Every structure is written in structure tokens, then in C-alpha cells.
Amino acid sequence: MDLTVYSAAWCRDCREAKKFLAKHNIPYKEIDIETVPGAADEVLANVGRRAIPQFVLDGKWIQPYRPGYGFLYTEMAELFQVAK
């Protein structure tokens, strides 16, 4: 499994996503859209808007949160086959 997380330090949902991954010992590479040149543009090109966090799991872009609802614990637990 190859997981990349696009995030930013100021993003609350990003912190929740990384906490979830850490809790379940899911390894990932993090790309901070504020510090990595071109990262925000890459999110925009693949998602159609600058929405973070974004997971890229084995090349597939996944939005692990829903605006107004926050991090999608149940859906991500199912995706990674871990307990919520």
C-alpha cells in the first residue's frame, strides 16, 4: 500500500486524518501544500479544487472528509480495514 497525504499545518481535518493514520499504524508520506512547491496545484489538477486533506492511495485520489462533517472515520476504517 502506497499512501500520500496532502495537508497543511493549519488544517484541522488534516490533523484528524493524520491522527487516524497514526492510531492505526498506517504509514504514509506527507506533502504539505504550503511548503512543497507545486503541491497545491497538483491537488487542484487532480481534485478540481484546493481541498485538503487528500489521500492518494495506490494512485487513487480520495477525499477523507466531508465539508461540514469532518473526517470520515467509518468510511476510512472500511477502506483501510481497521477498527473505527
PDB file of N, CA and C in Angstrom:
ATOM      1  N   MET A   1       0.855  -1.174   0.000  1.00  0.00           N
ATOM      2  CA  MET A   1       0.000   0.000   0.000  1.00  0.00           C
ATOM      3  C   MET A   1       0.902   1.239   0.000  1.00  0.00           C
ATOM      4  N   ASP A   2       0.629   2.140  -0.913  1.00  0.00           N
ATOM      5  CA  ASP A   2       1.373   3.385  -1.034  1.00  0.00           C
ATOM      6  C   ASP A   2       0.404   4.529  -0.771  1.00  0.00           C
ATOM      7  N   LEU A   3       0.609   5.246   0.346  1.00  0.00           N
ATOM      8  CA  LEU A   3      -0.308   6.312   0.735  1.00  0.00           C
ATOM      9  C   LEU A   3       0.445   7.629   0.867  1.00  0.00           C
ATOM     10  N   THR A   4      -0.086   8.650   0.190  1.00  0.00           N
ATOM     11  CA  THR A   4       0.415  10.012   0.313  1.00  0.00           C
ATOM     12  C   THR A   4      -0.726  10.863   0.839  1.00  0.00           C
ATOM     13  N   VAL A   5      -0.406  11.763   1.781  1.00  0.00           N
ATOM     14  CA  VAL A   5      -1.395  12.656   2.357  1.00  0.00           C
ATOM     15  C   VAL A   5      -1.005  14.091   2.014  1.00  0.00           C
ATOM     16  N   TYR A   6      -1.887  14.781   1.321  1.00  0.00           N
ATOM     17  CA  TYR A   6      -1.703  16.201   1.053  1.00  0.00           C
ATOM     18  C   TYR A   6      -2.388  16.950   2.187  1.00  0.00           C
ATOM     19  N   SER A   7      -1.649  17.852   2.833  1.00  0.00           N
ATOM     20  CA  SER A   7      -2.179  18.526   4.009  1.00  0.00           C
ATOM     21  C   SER A   7      -1.524  19.890   4.192  1.00  0.00           C
ATOM     22  N   ALA A   8      -1.894  20.548   5.295  1.00  0.00           N
ATOM     23  CA  ALA A   8      -1.262  21.805   5.716  1.00  0.00           C
ATOM     24  C   ALA A   8      -1.350  21.863   7.238  1.00  0.00           C
ATOM     25  N   ALA A   9      -0.394  22.521   7.856  1.00  0.00           N
ATOM     26  CA  ALA A   9      -0.321  22.584   9.316  1.00  0.00           C
ATOM     27  C   ALA A   9      -1.560  23.232   9.935  1.00  0.00           C
ATOM     28  N   TRP A  10      -2.165  24.194   9.260  1.00  0.00           N
ATOM     29  CA  TRP A  10      -3.308  24.924   9.803  1.00  0.00           C
ATOM     30  C   TRP A  10      -4.633  24.173   9.667  1.00  0.00           C
ATOM     31  N   CYS A  11      -4.634  23.058   8.967  1.00  0.00           N
ATOM     32  CA  CYS A  11      -5.866  22.345   8.621  1.00  0.00           C
ATOM     33  C   CYS A  11      -6.284  21.355   9.714  1.00  0.00           C
ATOM     34  N   ARG A  12      -7.422  21.633  10.357  1.00  0.00           N
ATOM     35  CA  ARG A  12      -7.945  20.776  11.424  1.00  0.00           C
ATOM     36  C   ARG A  12      -8.276  19.372  10.915  1.00  0.00           C
ATOM     37  N   ASP A  13      -8.922  19.279   9.762  1.00  0.00           N
ATOM     38  CA  ASP A  13      -9.260  17.961   9.221  1.00  0.00           C
ATOM     39  C   ASP A  13      -8.004  17.174   8.854  1.00  0.00           C
ATOM     40  N   CYS A  14      -6.961  17.864   8.447  1.00  0.00           N
ATOM     41  CA  CYS A  14      -5.687  17.198   8.152  1.00  0.00           C
ATOM     42  C   CYS A  14      -5.105  16.581   9.415  1.00  0.00           C
ATOM     43  N   ARG A  15      -5.161  17.324  10.514  1.00  0.00           N
ATOM     44  CA  ARG A  15      -4.653  16.799  11.789  1.00  0.00           C
ATOM     45  C   ARG A  15      -5.449  15.560  12.207  1.00  0.00           C
ATOM     46  N   GLU A  16      -6.762  15.602  12.023  1.00  0.00           N
ATOM     47  CA  GLU A  16      -7.595  14.434  12.348  1.00  0.00           C
ATOM     48  C   GLU A  16      -7.226  13.235  11.474  1.00  0.00           C
ATOM     49  N   ALA A  17      -7.017  13.482  10.191  1.00  0.00           N
ATOM     50  CA  ALA A  17      -6.654  12.403   9.268  1.00  0.00           C
ATOM     51  C   ALA A  17      -5.333  11.759   9.685  1.00  0.00           C
ATOM     52  N   LYS A  18      -4.341  12.585  10.030  1.00  0.00           N
ATOM     53  CA  LYS A  18      -3.035  12.058  10.429  1.00  0.00           C
ATOM     54  C   LYS A  18      -3.105  11.346  11.773  1.00  0.00           C
ATOM     55  N   LYS A  19      -3.976  11.822  12.680  1.00  0.00           N
ATOM     56  CA  LYS A  19      -4.179  11.119  13.960  1.00  0.00           C
ATOM     57  C   LYS A  19      -4.757   9.733  13.716  1.00  0.00           C
ATOM     58  N   PHE A  20      -5.730   9.658  12.818  1.00  0.00           N
ATOM     59  CA  PHE A  20      -6.347   8.375  12.469  1.00  0.00           C
ATOM     60  C   PHE A  20      -5.295   7.412  11.925  1.00  0.00           C
ATOM     61  N   LEU A  21      -4.481   7.895  11.000  1.00  0.00           N
ATOM     62  CA  LEU A  21      -3.450   7.045  10.401  1.00  0.00           C
ATOM     63  C   LEU A  21      -2.435   6.594  11.442  1.00  0.00           C
ATOM     64  N   ALA A  22      -2.022   7.499  12.317  1.00  0.00           N
ATOM     65  CA  ALA A  22      -1.058   7.149  13.369  1.00  0.00           C
ATOM     66  C   ALA A  22      -1.645   6.128  14.338  1.00  0.00           C
ATOM     67  N   LYS A  23      -2.908   6.314  14.709  1.00  0.00           N
ATOM     68  CA  LYS A  23      -3.576   5.393  15.640  1.00  0.00           C
ATOM     69  C   LYS A  23      -3.560   3.965  15.107  1.00  0.00           C
ATOM     70  N   HIS A  24      -3.683   3.840  13.799  1.00  0.00           N
ATOM     71  CA  HIS A  24      -3.756   2.515  13.182  1.00  0.00           C
ATOM     72  C   HIS A  24      -2.438   2.089  12.539  1.00  0.00           C
ATOM     73  N   ASN A  25      -1.366   2.822  12.847  1.00  0.00           N
ATOM     74  CA  ASN A  25      -0.032   2.489  12.330  1.00  0.00           C
ATOM     75  C   ASN A  25      -0.017   2.335  10.812  1.00  0.00           C
ATOM     76  N   ILE A  26      -0.701   3.225  10.141  1.00  0.00           N
ATOM     77  CA  ILE A  26      -0.743   3.210   8.677  1.00  0.00           C
ATOM     78  C   ILE A  26       0.334   4.165   8.178  1.00  0.00           C
ATOM     79  N   PRO A  27       1.350   3.641   7.513  1.00  0.00           N
ATOM     80  CA  PRO A  27       2.435   4.503   7.039  1.00  0.00           C
ATOM     81  C   PRO A  27       1.987   5.361   5.858  1.00  0.00           C
ATOM     82  N   TYR A  28       2.530   6.575   5.820  1.00  0.00           N
ATOM     83  CA  TYR A  28       2.190   7.481   4.729  1.00  0.00           C
ATOM     84  C   TYR A  28       3.314   8.489   4.529  1.00  0.00           C
ATOM     85  N   LYS A  29       3.299   9.064   3.348  1.00  0.00           N
ATOM     86  CA  LYS A  29       4.195  10.170   3.020  1.00  0.00           C
ATOM     87  C   LYS A  29       3.331  11.415   3.055  1.00  0.00           C
ATOM     88  N   GLU A  30       3.817  12.473   3.702  1.00  0.00           N
ATOM     89  CA  GLU A  30       3.045  13.708   3.788  1.00  0.00           C
ATOM     90  C   GLU A  30       3.619  14.770   2.864  1.00  0.00           C
ATOM     91  N   ILE A  31       2.717  15.448   2.176  1.00  0.00           N
ATOM     92  CA  ILE A  31       3.098  16.582   1.338  1.00  0.00           C
ATOM     93  C   ILE A  31       2.325  17.791   1.838  1.00  0.00           C
ATOM     94  N   ASP A  32       3.047  18.773   2.377  1.00  0.00           N
ATOM     95  CA  ASP A  32       2.452  19.998   2.890  1.00  0.00           C
ATOM     96  C   ASP A  32       2.279  20.967   1.725  1.00  0.00           C
ATOM     97  N   ILE A  33       1.037  21.308   1.427  1.00  0.00           N
ATOM     98  CA  ILE A  33       0.780  22.160   0.261  1.00  0.00           C
ATOM     99  C   ILE A  33       1.303  23.579   0.447  1.00  0.00           C
ATOM    100  N   GLU A  34       1.612  23.954   1.680  1.00  0.00           N
ATOM    101  CA  GLU A  34       2.139  25.288   1.963  1.00  0.00           C
ATOM    102  C   GLU A  34       3.648  25.370   1.736  1.00  0.00           C
ATOM    103  N   THR A  35       4.355  24.250   1.859  1.00  0.00           N
ATOM    104  CA  THR A  35       5.814  24.283   1.801  1.00  0.00           C
ATOM    105  C   THR A  35       6.415  23.572   0.590  1.00  0.00           C
ATOM    106  N   VAL A  36       5.645  22.715  -0.050  1.00  0.00           N
ATOM    107  CA  VAL A  36       6.155  21.976  -1.206  1.00  0.00           C
ATOM    108  C   VAL A  36       5.703  22.684  -2.480  1.00  0.00           C
ATOM    109  N   PRO A  37       6.645  23.230  -3.241  1.00  0.00           N
ATOM    110  CA  PRO A  37       6.280  23.948  -4.463  1.00  0.00           C
ATOM    111  C   PRO A  37       5.467  23.063  -5.424  1.00  0.00           C
ATOM    112  N   GLY A  38       4.354  23.611  -5.896  1.00  0.00           N
ATOM    113  CA  GLY A  38       3.514  22.910  -6.862  1.00  0.00           C
ATOM    114  C   GLY A  38       2.515  21.938  -6.262  1.00  0.00           C
ATOM    115  N   ALA A  39       2.588  21.679  -4.952  1.00  0.00           N
ATOM    116  CA  ALA A  39       1.700  20.692  -4.334  1.00  0.00           C
ATOM    117  C   ALA A  39       0.236  21.132  -4.379  1.00  0.00           C
ATOM    118  N   ALA A  40      -0.033  22.399  -4.097  1.00  0.00           N
ATOM    119  CA  ALA A  40      -1.415  22.891  -4.148  1.00  0.00           C
ATOM    120  C   ALA A  40      -1.963  22.789  -5.565  1.00  0.00           C
ATOM    121  N   ASP A  41      -1.122  23.067  -6.546  1.00  0.00           N
ATOM    122  CA  ASP A  41      -1.552  22.959  -7.945  1.00  0.00           C
ATOM    123  C   ASP A  41      -1.836  21.503  -8.317  1.00  0.00           C
ATOM    124  N   GLU A  42      -1.070  20.586  -7.738  1.00  0.00           N
ATOM    125  CA  GLU A  42      -1.294  19.156  -8.003  1.00  0.00           C
ATOM    126  C   GLU A  42      -2.650  18.722  -7.449  1.00  0.00           C
ATOM    127  N   VAL A  43      -2.986  19.193  -6.248  1.00  0.00           N
ATOM    128  CA  VAL A  43      -4.305  18.900  -5.677  1.00  0.00           C
ATOM    129  C   VAL A  43      -5.388  19.470  -6.584  1.00  0.00           C
ATOM    130  N   LEU A  44      -5.238  20.706  -6.987  1.00  0.00           N
ATOM    131  CA  LEU A  44      -6.211  21.360  -7.864  1.00  0.00           C
ATOM    132  C   LEU A  44      -6.382  20.596  -9.179  1.00  0.00           C
ATOM    133  N   ALA A  45      -5.287  20.150  -9.758  1.00  0.00           N
ATOM    134  CA  ALA A  45      -5.338  19.423 -11.033  1.00  0.00           C
ATOM    135  C   ALA A  45      -6.056  18.081 -10.906  1.00  0.00           C
ATOM    136  N   ASN A  46      -5.919  17.423  -9.754  1.00  0.00           N
ATOM    137  CA  ASN A  46      -6.492  16.085  -9.579  1.00  0.00           C
ATOM    138  C   ASN A  46      -7.880  16.083  -8.951  1.00  0.00           C
ATOM    139  N   VAL A  47      -8.194  17.114  -8.181  1.00  0.00           N
ATOM    140  CA  VAL A  47      -9.457  17.140  -7.444  1.00  0.00           C
ATOM    141  C   VAL A  47     -10.414  18.191  -7.999  1.00  0.00           C
ATOM    142  N   GLY A  48      -9.869  19.206  -8.661  1.00  0.00           N
ATOM    143  CA  GLY A  48     -10.709  20.252  -9.210  1.00  0.00           C
ATOM    144  C   GLY A  48     -10.867  21.449  -8.294  1.00  0.00           C
ATOM    145  N   ARG A  49     -10.319  21.350  -7.086  1.00  0.00           N
ATOM    146  CA  ARG A  49     -10.326  22.470  -6.134  1.00  0.00           C
ATOM    147  C   ARG A  49      -9.224  22.238  -5.112  1.00  0.00           C
ATOM    148  N   ARG A  50      -8.902  23.255  -4.367  1.00  0.00           N
ATOM    149  CA  ARG A  50      -7.836  23.142  -3.357  1.00  0.00           C
ATOM    150  C   ARG A  50      -8.442  22.682  -2.046  1.00  0.00           C
ATOM    151  N   ALA A  51      -8.771  21.418  -1.969  1.00  0.00           N
ATOM    152  CA  ALA A  51      -9.421  20.832  -0.803  1.00  0.00           C
ATOM    153  C   ALA A  51      -8.464  19.845  -0.146  1.00  0.00           C
ATOM    154  N   ILE A  52      -8.186  20.080   1.125  1.00  0.00           N
ATOM    155  CA  ILE A  52      -7.328  19.166   1.874  1.00  0.00           C
ATOM    156  C   ILE A  52      -8.037  18.789   3.165  1.00  0.00           C
ATOM    157  N   PRO A  53      -7.720  17.642   3.731  1.00  0.00           N
ATOM    158  CA  PRO A  53      -6.713  16.685   3.302  1.00  0.00           C
ATOM    159  C   PRO A  53      -7.168  15.890   2.088  1.00  0.00           C
ATOM    160  N   GLN A  54      -6.191  15.369   1.408  1.00  0.00           N
ATOM    161  CA  GLN A  54      -6.428  14.423   0.313  1.00  0.00           C
ATOM    162  C   GLN A  54      -5.504  13.234   0.529  1.00  0.00           C
ATOM    163  N   PHE A  55      -6.045  12.048   0.348  1.00  0.00           N
ATOM    164  CA  PHE A  55      -5.242  10.832   0.361  1.00  0.00           C
ATOM    165  C   PHE A  55      -5.038  10.417  -1.089  1.00  0.00           C
ATOM    166  N   VAL A  56      -3.845   9.944  -1.396  1.00  0.00           N
ATOM    167  CA  VAL A  56      -3.598   9.299  -2.680  1.00  0.00           C
ATOM    168  C   VAL A  56      -3.147   7.889  -2.324  1.00  0.00           C
ATOM    169  N   LEU A  57      -4.056   6.953  -2.501  1.00  0.00           N
ATOM    170  CA  LEU A  57      -3.822   5.563  -2.132  1.00  0.00           C
ATOM    171  C   LEU A  57      -3.614   4.740  -3.392  1.00  0.00           C
ATOM    172  N   ASP A  58      -2.397   4.257  -3.548  1.00  0.00           N
ATOM    173  CA  ASP A  58      -2.032   3.481  -4.733  1.00  0.00           C
ATOM    174  C   ASP A  58      -2.456   4.189  -6.021  1.00  0.00           C
ATOM    175  N   GLY A  59      -2.234   5.507  -6.046  1.00  0.00           N
ATOM    176  CA  GLY A  59      -2.515   6.302  -7.233  1.00  0.00           C
ATOM    177  C   GLY A  59      -3.928   6.848  -7.335  1.00  0.00           C
ATOM    178  N   LYS A  60      -4.820   6.445  -6.435  1.00  0.00           N
ATOM    179  CA  LYS A  60      -6.217   6.894  -6.469  1.00  0.00           C
ATOM    180  C   LYS A  60      -6.420   8.023  -5.449  1.00  0.00           C
ATOM    181  N   TRP A  61      -6.982   9.146  -5.899  1.00  0.00           N
ATOM    182  CA  TRP A  61      -7.239  10.289  -5.031  1.00  0.00           C
ATOM    183  C   TRP A  61      -8.523  10.063  -4.245  1.00  0.00           C
ATOM    184  N   ILE A  62      -8.441  10.280  -2.922  1.00  0.00           N
ATOM    185  CA  ILE A  62      -9.574  10.051  -2.021  1.00  0.00           C
ATOM    186  C   ILE A  62      -9.699  11.241  -1.079  1.00  0.00           C
ATOM    187  N   GLN A  63     -10.886  11.772  -0.954  1.00  0.00           N
ATOM    188  CA  GLN A  63     -11.128  12.853  -0.002  1.00  0.00           C
ATOM    189  C   GLN A  63     -11.638  12.220   1.289  1.00  0.00           C
ATOM    190  N   PRO A  64     -10.819  12.247   2.370  1.00  0.00           N
ATOM    191  CA  PRO A  64     -11.196  11.545   3.601  1.00  0.00           C
ATOM    192  C   PRO A  64     -12.059  12.362   4.560  1.00  0.00           C
ATOM    193  N   TYR A  65     -12.662  13.414   4.086  1.00  0.00           N
ATOM    194  CA  TYR A  65     -13.525  14.239   4.921  1.00  0.00           C
ATOM    195  C   TYR A  65     -14.661  14.769   4.055  1.00  0.00           C
ATOM    196  N   ARG A  66     -15.673  15.274   4.725  1.00  0.00           N
ATOM    197  CA  ARG A  66     -16.781  15.917   4.020  1.00  0.00           C
ATOM    198  C   ARG A  66     -16.966  17.285   4.659  1.00  0.00           C
ATOM    199  N   PRO A  67     -16.959  18.357   3.847  1.00  0.00           N
ATOM    200  CA  PRO A  67     -17.136  19.694   4.399  1.00  0.00           C
ATOM    201  C   PRO A  67     -18.389  19.768   5.268  1.00  0.00           C
ATOM    202  N   GLY A  68     -18.229  20.318   6.441  1.00  0.00           N
ATOM    203  CA  GLY A  68     -19.344  20.432   7.379  1.00  0.00           C
ATOM    204  C   GLY A  68     -19.516  19.219   8.278  1.00  0.00           C
ATOM    205  N   TYR A  69     -18.871  18.096   7.924  1.00  0.00           N
ATOM    206  CA  TYR A  69     -18.972  16.869   8.708  1.00  0.00           C
ATOM    207  C   TYR A  69     -17.639  16.452   9.296  1.00  0.00           C
ATOM    208  N   GLY A  70     -16.551  16.855   8.685  1.00  0.00           N
ATOM    209  CA  GLY A  70     -15.223  16.489   9.176  1.00  0.00           C
ATOM    210  C   GLY A  70     -14.723  15.176   8.605  1.00  0.00           C
ATOM    211  N   PHE A  71     -13.775  14.578   9.322  1.00  0.00           N
ATOM    212  CA  PHE A  71     -13.125  13.355   8.880  1.00  0.00           C
ATOM    213  C   PHE A  71     -14.121  12.202   8.843  1.00  0.00           C
ATOM    214  N   LEU A  72     -14.038  11.392   7.818  1.00  0.00           N
ATOM    215  CA  LEU A  72     -14.975  10.273   7.607  1.00  0.00           C
ATOM    216  C   LEU A  72     -14.417   8.994   8.237  1.00  0.00           C
ATOM    217  N   TYR A  73     -14.550   8.893   9.560  1.00  0.00           N
ATOM    218  CA  TYR A  73     -13.960   7.764  10.293  1.00  0.00           C
ATOM    219  C   TYR A  73     -14.465   6.413   9.811  1.00  0.00           C
ATOM    220  N   THR A  74     -15.754   6.271   9.661  1.00  0.00           N
ATOM    221  CA  THR A  74     -16.325   4.979   9.268  1.00  0.00           C
ATOM    222  C   THR A  74     -15.852   4.561   7.882  1.00  0.00           C
ATOM    223  N   GLU A  75     -15.929   5.471   6.932  1.00  0.00           N
ATOM    224  CA  GLU A  75     -15.516   5.162   5.561  1.00  0.00           C
ATOM    225  C   GLU A  75     -14.021   4.847   5.468  1.00  0.00           C
ATOM    226  N   MET A  76     -13.200   5.603   6.192  1.00  0.00           N
ATOM    227  CA  MET A  76     -11.751   5.373   6.143  1.00  0.00           C
ATOM    228  C   MET A  76     -11.372   4.078   6.874  1.00  0.00           C
ATOM    229  N   ALA A  77     -12.095   3.752   7.951  1.00  0.00           N
ATOM    230  CA  ALA A  77     -11.855   2.486   8.652  1.00  0.00           C
ATOM    231  C   ALA A  77     -12.151   1.311   7.714  1.00  0.00           C
ATOM    232  N   GLU A  78     -13.217   1.417   6.955  1.00  0.00           N
ATOM    233  CA  GLU A  78     -13.551   0.367   5.985  1.00  0.00           C
ATOM    234  C   GLU A  78     -12.508   0.301   4.883  1.00  0.00           C
ATOM    235  N   LEU A  79     -12.086   1.453   4.373  1.00  0.00           N
ATOM    236  CA  LEU A  79     -11.114   1.499   3.300  1.00  0.00           C
ATOM    237  C   LEU A  79      -9.801   0.836   3.712  1.00  0.00           C
ATOM    238  N   PHE A  80      -9.331   1.147   4.929  1.00  0.00           N
ATOM    239  CA  PHE A  80      -8.048   0.616   5.400  1.00  0.00           C
ATOM    240  C   PHE A  80      -8.193  -0.676   6.182  1.00  0.00           C
ATOM    241  N   GLN A  81      -9.431  -1.154   6.314  1.00  0.00           N
ATOM    242  CA  GLN A  81      -9.737  -2.398   7.010  1.00  0.00           C
ATOM    243  C   GLN A  81      -9.182  -2.395   8.446  1.00  0.00           C
ATOM    244  N   VAL A  82      -9.555  -1.335   9.179  1.00  0.00           N
ATOM    245  CA  VAL A  82      -9.172  -1.198  10.582  1.00  0.00           C
ATOM    246  C   VAL A  82     -10.409  -0.859  11.399  1.00  0.00           C
ATOM    247  N   ALA A  83     -10.285  -0.951  12.721  1.00  0.00           N
ATOM    248  CA  ALA A  83     -11.385  -0.575  13.597  1.00  0.00           C
ATOM    249  C   ALA A  83     -11.527   0.940  13.604  1.00  0.00           C
ATOM    250  N   LYS A  84     -12.735   1.400  13.733  1.00  0.00           N
ATOM    251  CA  LYS A  84     -13.006   2.841  13.731  1.00  0.00           C
ATOM    252  C   LYS A  84     -12.352   3.465  14.925  1.00  0.00           C
TER     253      LYS A  84
END
